[in-house]
Amino acid sequence: MNLEDLQPGDVVFAASHIYNDGGIPKVPEDKLLAEPGTRGVIVETGHLEEAPDRKVYLVRFEDTELNLGPPTGCWPEELKTAN
């Protein structure tokens, strides 16, 4: 499945290490949010005002106890559709 076809509720996996860049409140900046292969669910898709030509995905990744973490903005290159 192509990332462009994904909708909210679809499962994705982290393709790389994903850290908080400071955009998630109450989470320390530079905290590791997902390691490669971590499963997540798309919450929303859209575009940033600063980059209207690039799609961004809001994803909640599972932790080691399978709880969903905070919504995290991800670029397409940070995600994959199969583990």
PDB file of N, CA and C in Angstrom:
ATOM      1  N   MET A   1       0.845  -1.180   0.000  1.00  0.00           N
ATOM      2  CA  MET A   1       0.000   0.000   0.000  1.00  0.00           C
ATOM      3  C   MET A   1       0.890   1.243   0.000  1.00  0.00           C
ATOM      4  N   ASN A   2       0.487   2.228  -0.749  1.00  0.00           N
ATOM      5  CA  ASN A   2       1.222   3.479  -0.873  1.00  0.00           C
ATOM      6  C   ASN A   2       0.826   4.425   0.266  1.00  0.00           C
ATOM      7  N   LEU A   3       1.788   5.127   0.840  1.00  0.00           N
ATOM      8  CA  LEU A   3       1.497   6.073   1.924  1.00  0.00           C
ATOM      9  C   LEU A   3       0.450   7.105   1.508  1.00  0.00           C
ATOM     10  N   GLU A   4       0.485   7.532   0.265  1.00  0.00           N
ATOM     11  CA  GLU A   4      -0.468   8.546  -0.212  1.00  0.00           C
ATOM     12  C   GLU A   4      -1.920   8.082  -0.088  1.00  0.00           C
ATOM     13  N   ASP A   5      -2.145   6.766  -0.082  1.00  0.00           N
ATOM     14  CA  ASP A   5      -3.496   6.209  -0.021  1.00  0.00           C
ATOM     15  C   ASP A   5      -4.006   6.028   1.406  1.00  0.00           C
ATOM     16  N   LEU A   6      -3.142   6.234   2.394  1.00  0.00           N
ATOM     17  CA  LEU A   6      -3.516   5.965   3.780  1.00  0.00           C
ATOM     18  C   LEU A   6      -4.464   7.021   4.339  1.00  0.00           C
ATOM     19  N   GLN A   7      -5.322   6.569   5.213  1.00  0.00           N
ATOM     20  CA  GLN A   7      -6.338   7.408   5.842  1.00  0.00           C
ATOM     21  C   GLN A   7      -6.265   7.245   7.360  1.00  0.00           C
ATOM     22  N   PRO A   8      -6.914   8.132   8.119  1.00  0.00           N
ATOM     23  CA  PRO A   8      -6.984   7.943   9.568  1.00  0.00           C
ATOM     24  C   PRO A   8      -7.517   6.551   9.908  1.00  0.00           C
ATOM     25  N   GLY A   9      -6.866   5.922  10.883  1.00  0.00           N
ATOM     26  CA  GLY A   9      -7.221   4.572  11.303  1.00  0.00           C
ATOM     27  C   GLY A   9      -6.322   3.504  10.715  1.00  0.00           C
ATOM     28  N   ASP A  10      -5.569   3.844   9.662  1.00  0.00           N
ATOM     29  CA  ASP A  10      -4.657   2.878   9.053  1.00  0.00           C
ATOM     30  C   ASP A  10      -3.398   2.720   9.894  1.00  0.00           C
ATOM     31  N   VAL A  11      -2.832   1.515   9.857  1.00  0.00           N
ATOM     32  CA  VAL A  11      -1.627   1.189  10.618  1.00  0.00           C
ATOM     33  C   VAL A  11      -0.392   1.480   9.771  1.00  0.00           C
ATOM     34  N   VAL A  12       0.614   2.084  10.405  1.00  0.00           N
ATOM     35  CA  VAL A  12       1.916   2.342   9.786  1.00  0.00           C
ATOM     36  C   VAL A  12       3.008   1.932  10.769  1.00  0.00           C
ATOM     37  N   PHE A  13       4.238   1.965  10.295  1.00  0.00           N
ATOM     38  CA  PHE A  13       5.389   1.650  11.134  1.00  0.00           C
ATOM     39  C   PHE A  13       6.439   2.733  10.964  1.00  0.00           C
ATOM     40  N   ALA A  14       7.170   3.003  12.037  1.00  0.00           N
ATOM     41  CA  ALA A  14       8.255   3.983  11.963  1.00  0.00           C
ATOM     42  C   ALA A  14       9.363   3.415  11.081  1.00  0.00           C
ATOM     43  N   ALA A  15       9.830   4.211  10.130  1.00  0.00           N
ATOM     44  CA  ALA A  15      10.922   3.790   9.249  1.00  0.00           C
ATOM     45  C   ALA A  15      12.278   4.212   9.813  1.00  0.00           C
ATOM     46  N   SER A  16      12.267   5.089  10.808  1.00  0.00           N
ATOM     47  CA  SER A  16      13.494   5.595  11.418  1.00  0.00           C
ATOM     48  C   SER A  16      13.184   5.964  12.866  1.00  0.00           C
ATOM     49  N   HIS A  17      14.211   6.369  13.602  1.00  0.00           N
ATOM     50  CA  HIS A  17      13.985   6.864  14.952  1.00  0.00           C
ATOM     51  C   HIS A  17      13.221   8.177  14.868  1.00  0.00           C
ATOM     52  N   ILE A  18      12.166   8.317  15.673  1.00  0.00           N
ATOM     53  CA  ILE A  18      11.368   9.535  15.669  1.00  0.00           C
ATOM     54  C   ILE A  18      11.437  10.158  17.056  1.00  0.00           C
ATOM     55  N   TYR A  19      11.890  11.407  17.092  1.00  0.00           N
ATOM     56  CA  TYR A  19      12.083  12.143  18.338  1.00  0.00           C
ATOM     57  C   TYR A  19      11.126  13.327  18.396  1.00  0.00           C
ATOM     58  N   ASN A  20      10.821  13.773  19.612  1.00  0.00           N
ATOM     59  CA  ASN A  20      10.044  15.002  19.772  1.00  0.00           C
ATOM     60  C   ASN A  20      10.932  16.178  19.389  1.00  0.00           C
ATOM     61  N   ASP A  21      10.479  16.952  18.418  1.00  0.00           N
ATOM     62  CA  ASP A  21      11.247  18.123  17.992  1.00  0.00           C
ATOM     63  C   ASP A  21      10.856  19.367  18.775  1.00  0.00           C
ATOM     64  N   GLY A  22      10.100  19.163  19.857  1.00  0.00           N
ATOM     65  CA  GLY A  22       9.642  20.280  20.671  1.00  0.00           C
ATOM     66  C   GLY A  22       8.193  20.630  20.408  1.00  0.00           C
ATOM     67  N   GLY A  23       7.568  19.945  19.442  1.00  0.00           N
ATOM     68  CA  GLY A  23       6.201  20.252  19.075  1.00  0.00           C
ATOM     69  C   GLY A  23       5.136  19.558  19.907  1.00  0.00           C
ATOM     70  N   ILE A  24       5.540  18.627  20.773  1.00  0.00           N
ATOM     71  CA  ILE A  24       4.574  17.907  21.600  1.00  0.00           C
ATOM     72  C   ILE A  24       4.676  18.426  23.031  1.00  0.00           C
ATOM     73  N   PRO A  25       3.636  19.106  23.505  1.00  0.00           N
ATOM     74  CA  PRO A  25       3.673  19.652  24.862  1.00  0.00           C
ATOM     75  C   PRO A  25       3.765  18.543  25.913  1.00  0.00           C
ATOM     76  N   LYS A  26       4.397  18.859  27.014  1.00  0.00           N
ATOM     77  CA  LYS A  26       4.527  17.972  28.169  1.00  0.00           C
ATOM     78  C   LYS A  26       5.356  16.721  27.880  1.00  0.00           C
ATOM     79  N   VAL A  27       6.090  16.706  26.754  1.00  0.00           N
ATOM     80  CA  VAL A  27       7.018  15.627  26.422  1.00  0.00           C
ATOM     81  C   VAL A  27       8.377  16.282  26.234  1.00  0.00           C
ATOM     82  N   PRO A  28       9.403  15.778  26.923  1.00  0.00           N
ATOM     83  CA  PRO A  28      10.723  16.405  26.800  1.00  0.00           C
ATOM     84  C   PRO A  28      11.186  16.485  25.341  1.00  0.00           C
ATOM     85  N   GLU A  29      11.780  17.625  25.000  1.00  0.00           N
ATOM     86  CA  GLU A  29      12.338  17.780  23.659  1.00  0.00           C
ATOM     87  C   GLU A  29      13.437  16.745  23.452  1.00  0.00           C
ATOM     88  N   ASP A  30      13.505  16.192  22.265  1.00  0.00           N
ATOM     89  CA  ASP A  30      14.468  15.159  21.868  1.00  0.00           C
ATOM     90  C   ASP A  30      14.174  13.794  22.479  1.00  0.00           C
ATOM     91  N   LYS A  31      13.002  13.600  23.127  1.00  0.00           N
ATOM     92  CA  LYS A  31      12.632  12.281  23.648  1.00  0.00           C
ATOM     93  C   LYS A  31      12.327  11.355  22.481  1.00  0.00           C
ATOM     94  N   LEU A  32      12.831  10.123  22.550  1.00  0.00           N
ATOM     95  CA  LEU A  32      12.562   9.114  21.530  1.00  0.00           C
ATOM     96  C   LEU A  32      11.098   8.695  21.629  1.00  0.00           C
ATOM     97  N   LEU A  33      10.354   8.853  20.544  1.00  0.00           N
ATOM     98  CA  LEU A  33       8.937   8.515  20.513  1.00  0.00           C
ATOM     99  C   LEU A  33       8.680   7.176  19.839  1.00  0.00           C
ATOM    100  N   ALA A  34       9.535   6.817  18.890  1.00  0.00           N
ATOM    101  CA  ALA A  34       9.366   5.546  18.181  1.00  0.00           C
ATOM    102  C   ALA A  34      10.695   5.102  17.594  1.00  0.00           C
ATOM    103  N   GLU A  35      11.002   3.826  17.757  1.00  0.00           N
ATOM    104  CA  GLU A  35      12.168   3.225  17.117  1.00  0.00           C
ATOM    105  C   GLU A  35      11.728   2.642  15.781  1.00  0.00           C
ATOM    106  N   PRO A  36      12.667   2.392  14.877  1.00  0.00           N
ATOM    107  CA  PRO A  36      12.277   1.773  13.612  1.00  0.00           C
ATOM    108  C   PRO A  36      11.484   0.489  13.852  1.00  0.00           C
ATOM    109  N   GLY A  37      10.383   0.345  13.132  1.00  0.00           N
ATOM    110  CA  GLY A  37       9.528  -0.833  13.265  1.00  0.00           C
ATOM    111  C   GLY A  37       8.394  -0.676  14.255  1.00  0.00           C
ATOM    112  N   THR A  38       8.378   0.423  15.031  1.00  0.00           N
ATOM    113  CA  THR A  38       7.301   0.642  15.993  1.00  0.00           C
ATOM    114  C   THR A  38       5.985   0.857  15.254  1.00  0.00           C
ATOM    115  N   ARG A  39       4.950   0.141  15.694  1.00  0.00           N
ATOM    116  CA  ARG A  39       3.635   0.256  15.064  1.00  0.00           C
ATOM    117  C   ARG A  39       2.911   1.489  15.565  1.00  0.00           C
ATOM    118  N   GLY A  40       2.187   2.131  14.643  1.00  0.00           N
ATOM    119  CA  GLY A  40       1.392   3.293  14.993  1.00  0.00           C
ATOM    120  C   GLY A  40       0.120   3.326  14.177  1.00  0.00           C
ATOM    121  N   VAL A  41      -0.767   4.219  14.548  1.00  0.00           N
ATOM    122  CA  VAL A  41      -2.020   4.397  13.819  1.00  0.00           C
ATOM    123  C   VAL A  41      -2.126   5.860  13.390  1.00  0.00           C
ATOM    124  N   ILE A  42      -2.540   6.062  12.150  1.00  0.00           N
ATOM    125  CA  ILE A  42      -2.717   7.425  11.649  1.00  0.00           C
ATOM    126  C   ILE A  42      -3.966   8.030  12.280  1.00  0.00           C
ATOM    127  N   VAL A  43      -3.799   9.217  12.840  1.00  0.00           N
ATOM    128  CA  VAL A  43      -4.909   9.940  13.456  1.00  0.00           C
ATOM    129  C   VAL A  43      -5.484  10.957  12.471  1.00  0.00           C
ATOM    130  N   GLU A  44      -4.588  11.583  11.688  1.00  0.00           N
ATOM    131  CA  GLU A  44      -5.020  12.623  10.749  1.00  0.00           C
ATOM    132  C   GLU A  44      -3.932  12.808   9.698  1.00  0.00           C
ATOM    133  N   THR A  45      -4.295  13.329   8.558  1.00  0.00           N
ATOM    134  CA  THR A  45      -3.322  13.703   7.536  1.00  0.00           C
ATOM    135  C   THR A  45      -3.579  15.155   7.152  1.00  0.00           C
ATOM    136  N   GLY A  46      -2.554  15.799   6.649  1.00  0.00           N
ATOM    137  CA  GLY A  46      -2.733  17.191   6.257  1.00  0.00           C
ATOM    138  C   GLY A  46      -1.442  17.772   5.730  1.00  0.00           C
ATOM    139  N   HIS A  47      -1.367  19.089   5.774  1.00  0.00           N
ATOM    140  CA  HIS A  47      -0.203  19.831   5.298  1.00  0.00           C
ATOM    141  C   HIS A  47       0.107  20.924   6.309  1.00  0.00           C
ATOM    142  N   LEU A  48       1.375  21.235   6.454  1.00  0.00           N
ATOM    143  CA  LEU A  48       1.771  22.359   7.300  1.00  0.00           C
ATOM    144  C   LEU A  48       1.732  23.635   6.473  1.00  0.00           C
ATOM    145  N   GLU A  49       1.379  24.721   7.106  1.00  0.00           N
ATOM    146  CA  GLU A  49       1.341  26.011   6.418  1.00  0.00           C
ATOM    147  C   GLU A  49       2.704  26.343   5.809  1.00  0.00           C
ATOM    148  N   GLU A  50       3.781  25.956   6.520  1.00  0.00           N
ATOM    149  CA  GLU A  50       5.138  26.249   6.062  1.00  0.00           C
ATOM    150  C   GLU A  50       5.557  25.351   4.905  1.00  0.00           C
ATOM    151  N   ALA A  51       4.869  24.230   4.700  1.00  0.00           N
ATOM    152  CA  ALA A  51       5.231  23.284   3.639  1.00  0.00           C
ATOM    153  C   ALA A  51       3.960  22.739   2.982  1.00  0.00           C
ATOM    154  N   PRO A  52       3.206  23.599   2.278  1.00  0.00           N
ATOM    155  CA  PRO A  52       1.915  23.171   1.734  1.00  0.00           C
ATOM    156  C   PRO A  52       2.012  22.081   0.669  1.00  0.00           C
ATOM    157  N   ASP A  53       3.192  21.886   0.088  1.00  0.00           N
ATOM    158  CA  ASP A  53       3.354  20.871  -0.942  1.00  0.00           C
ATOM    159  C   ASP A  53       3.733  19.503  -0.380  1.00  0.00           C
ATOM    160  N   ARG A  54       3.950  19.413   0.935  1.00  0.00           N
ATOM    161  CA  ARG A  54       4.339  18.142   1.562  1.00  0.00           C
ATOM    162  C   ARG A  54       3.237  17.661   2.500  1.00  0.00           C
ATOM    163  N   LYS A  55       2.885  16.386   2.376  1.00  0.00           N
ATOM    164  CA  LYS A  55       1.882  15.798   3.248  1.00  0.00           C
ATOM    165  C   LYS A  55       2.534  15.445   4.589  1.00  0.00           C
ATOM    166  N   VAL A  56       1.806  15.670   5.665  1.00  0.00           N
ATOM    167  CA  VAL A  56       2.264  15.298   7.000  1.00  0.00           C
ATOM    168  C   VAL A  56       1.207  14.371   7.605  1.00  0.00           C
ATOM    169  N   TYR A  57       1.679  13.406   8.382  1.00  0.00           N
ATOM    170  CA  TYR A  57       0.808  12.419   9.015  1.00  0.00           C
ATOM    171  C   TYR A  57       0.879  12.587  10.521  1.00  0.00           C
ATOM    172  N   LEU A  58      -0.261  12.643  11.177  1.00  0.00           N
ATOM    173  CA  LEU A  58      -0.320  12.667  12.630  1.00  0.00           C
ATOM    174  C   LEU A  58      -0.518  11.220  13.067  1.00  0.00           C
ATOM    175  N   VAL A  59       0.472  10.678  13.785  1.00  0.00           N
ATOM    176  CA  VAL A  59       0.503   9.258  14.132  1.00  0.00           C
ATOM    177  C   VAL A  59       0.648   9.096  15.637  1.00  0.00           C
ATOM    178  N   ARG A  60      -0.073   8.124  16.192  1.00  0.00           N
ATOM    179  CA  ARG A  60       0.121   7.737  17.594  1.00  0.00           C
ATOM    180  C   ARG A  60       0.814   6.376  17.590  1.00  0.00           C
ATOM    181  N   PHE A  61       2.032   6.333  18.131  1.00  0.00           N
ATOM    182  CA  PHE A  61       2.821   5.106  18.161  1.00  0.00           C
ATOM    183  C   PHE A  61       2.589   4.348  19.461  1.00  0.00           C
ATOM    184  N   GLU A  62       2.684   3.021  19.381  1.00  0.00           N
ATOM    185  CA  GLU A  62       2.541   2.185  20.565  1.00  0.00           C
ATOM    186  C   GLU A  62       3.831   2.210  21.377  1.00  0.00           C
ATOM    187  N   ASP A  63       3.677   2.122  22.711  1.00  0.00           N
ATOM    188  CA  ASP A  63       4.845   1.964  23.566  1.00  0.00           C
ATOM    189  C   ASP A  63       5.052   0.473  23.811  1.00  0.00           C
ATOM    190  N   THR A  64       5.970   0.116  24.690  1.00  0.00           N
ATOM    191  CA  THR A  64       6.281  -1.295  24.932  1.00  0.00           C
ATOM    192  C   THR A  64       5.123  -2.067  25.562  1.00  0.00           C
ATOM    193  N   GLU A  65       4.160  -1.328  26.159  1.00  0.00           N
ATOM    194  CA  GLU A  65       2.994  -1.977  26.758  1.00  0.00           C
ATOM    195  C   GLU A  65       1.766  -1.866  25.855  1.00  0.00           C
ATOM    196  N   LEU A  66       1.995  -1.491  24.588  1.00  0.00           N
ATOM    197  CA  LEU A  66       0.957  -1.375  23.557  1.00  0.00           C
ATOM    198  C   LEU A  66      -0.040  -0.244  23.806  1.00  0.00           C
ATOM    199  N   ASN A  67       0.354   0.737  24.644  1.00  0.00           N
ATOM    200  CA  ASN A  67      -0.459   1.941  24.834  1.00  0.00           C
ATOM    201  C   ASN A  67      -0.079   2.940  23.746  1.00  0.00           C
ATOM    202  N   LEU A  68      -1.068   3.667  23.246  1.00  0.00           N
ATOM    203  CA  LEU A  68      -0.787   4.672  22.228  1.00  0.00           C
ATOM    204  C   LEU A  68      -0.210   5.927  22.859  1.00  0.00           C
ATOM    205  N   GLY A  69       0.852   6.430  22.252  1.00  0.00           N
ATOM    206  CA  GLY A  69       1.503   7.640  22.730  1.00  0.00           C
ATOM    207  C   GLY A  69       0.833   8.880  22.168  1.00  0.00           C
ATOM    208  N   PRO A  70       1.443  10.030  22.393  1.00  0.00           N
ATOM    209  CA  PRO A  70       0.853  11.292  21.935  1.00  0.00           C
ATOM    210  C   PRO A  70       0.867  11.390  20.410  1.00  0.00           C
ATOM    211  N   PRO A  71      -0.079  12.135  19.837  1.00  0.00           N
ATOM    212  CA  PRO A  71      -0.054  12.359  18.396  1.00  0.00           C
ATOM    213  C   PRO A  71       1.261  13.025  17.987  1.00  0.00           C
ATOM    214  N   THR A  72       1.884  12.472  16.959  1.00  0.00           N
ATOM    215  CA  THR A  72       3.204  12.903  16.522  1.00  0.00           C
ATOM    216  C   THR A  72       3.177  13.200  15.030  1.00  0.00           C
ATOM    217  N   GLY A  73       3.612  14.369  14.641  1.00  0.00           N
ATOM    218  CA  GLY A  73       3.680  14.716  13.225  1.00  0.00           C
ATOM    219  C   GLY A  73       4.848  14.013  12.559  1.00  0.00           C
ATOM    220  N   CYS A  74       4.582  13.328  11.438  1.00  0.00           N
ATOM    221  CA  CYS A  74       5.623  12.584  10.724  1.00  0.00           C
ATOM    222  C   CYS A  74       5.578  12.905   9.236  1.00  0.00           C
ATOM    223  N   TRP A  75       6.749  13.008   8.632  1.00  0.00           N
ATOM    224  CA  TRP A  75       6.866  13.155   7.189  1.00  0.00           C
ATOM    225  C   TRP A  75       6.778  11.770   6.557  1.00  0.00           C
ATOM    226  N   PRO A  76       6.397  11.673   5.302  1.00  0.00           N
ATOM    227  CA  PRO A  76       6.269  10.362   4.640  1.00  0.00           C
ATOM    228  C   PRO A  76       7.524   9.508   4.739  1.00  0.00           C
ATOM    229  N   GLU A  77       8.703  10.108   4.637  1.00  0.00           N
ATOM    230  CA  GLU A  77       9.942   9.326   4.681  1.00  0.00           C
ATOM    231  C   GLU A  77      10.225   8.729   6.049  1.00  0.00           C
ATOM    232  N   GLU A  78       9.487   9.150   7.076  1.00  0.00           N
ATOM    233  CA  GLU A  78       9.669   8.595   8.424  1.00  0.00           C
ATOM    234  C   GLU A  78       8.755   7.394   8.678  1.00  0.00           C
ATOM    235  N   LEU A  79       7.909   7.062   7.692  1.00  0.00           N
ATOM    236  CA  LEU A  79       6.930   5.994   7.858  1.00  0.00           C
ATOM    237  C   LEU A  79       7.034   4.956   6.769  1.00  0.00           C
ATOM    238  N   LYS A  80       6.550   3.752   7.072  1.00  0.00           N
ATOM    239  CA  LYS A  80       6.408   2.711   6.063  1.00  0.00           C
ATOM    240  C   LYS A  80       5.131   1.949   6.353  1.00  0.00           C
ATOM    241  N   THR A  81       4.633   1.223   5.367  1.00  0.00           N
ATOM    242  CA  THR A  81       3.344   0.552   5.520  1.00  0.00           C
ATOM    243  C   THR A  81       3.465  -0.896   5.966  1.00  0.00           C
ATOM    244  N   ALA A  82       4.661  -1.450   5.937  1.00  0.00           N
ATOM    245  CA  ALA A  82       4.882  -2.821   6.394  1.00  0.00           C
ATOM    246  C   ALA A  82       6.128  -2.862   7.248  1.00  0.00           C
ATOM    247  N   ASN A  83       6.111  -3.735   8.249  1.00  0.00           N
ATOM    248  CA  ASN A  83       7.251  -3.834   9.154  1.00  0.00           C
ATOM    249  C   ASN A  83       8.284  -4.784   8.613  1.00  0.00           C
TER     250      ASN A  83
END
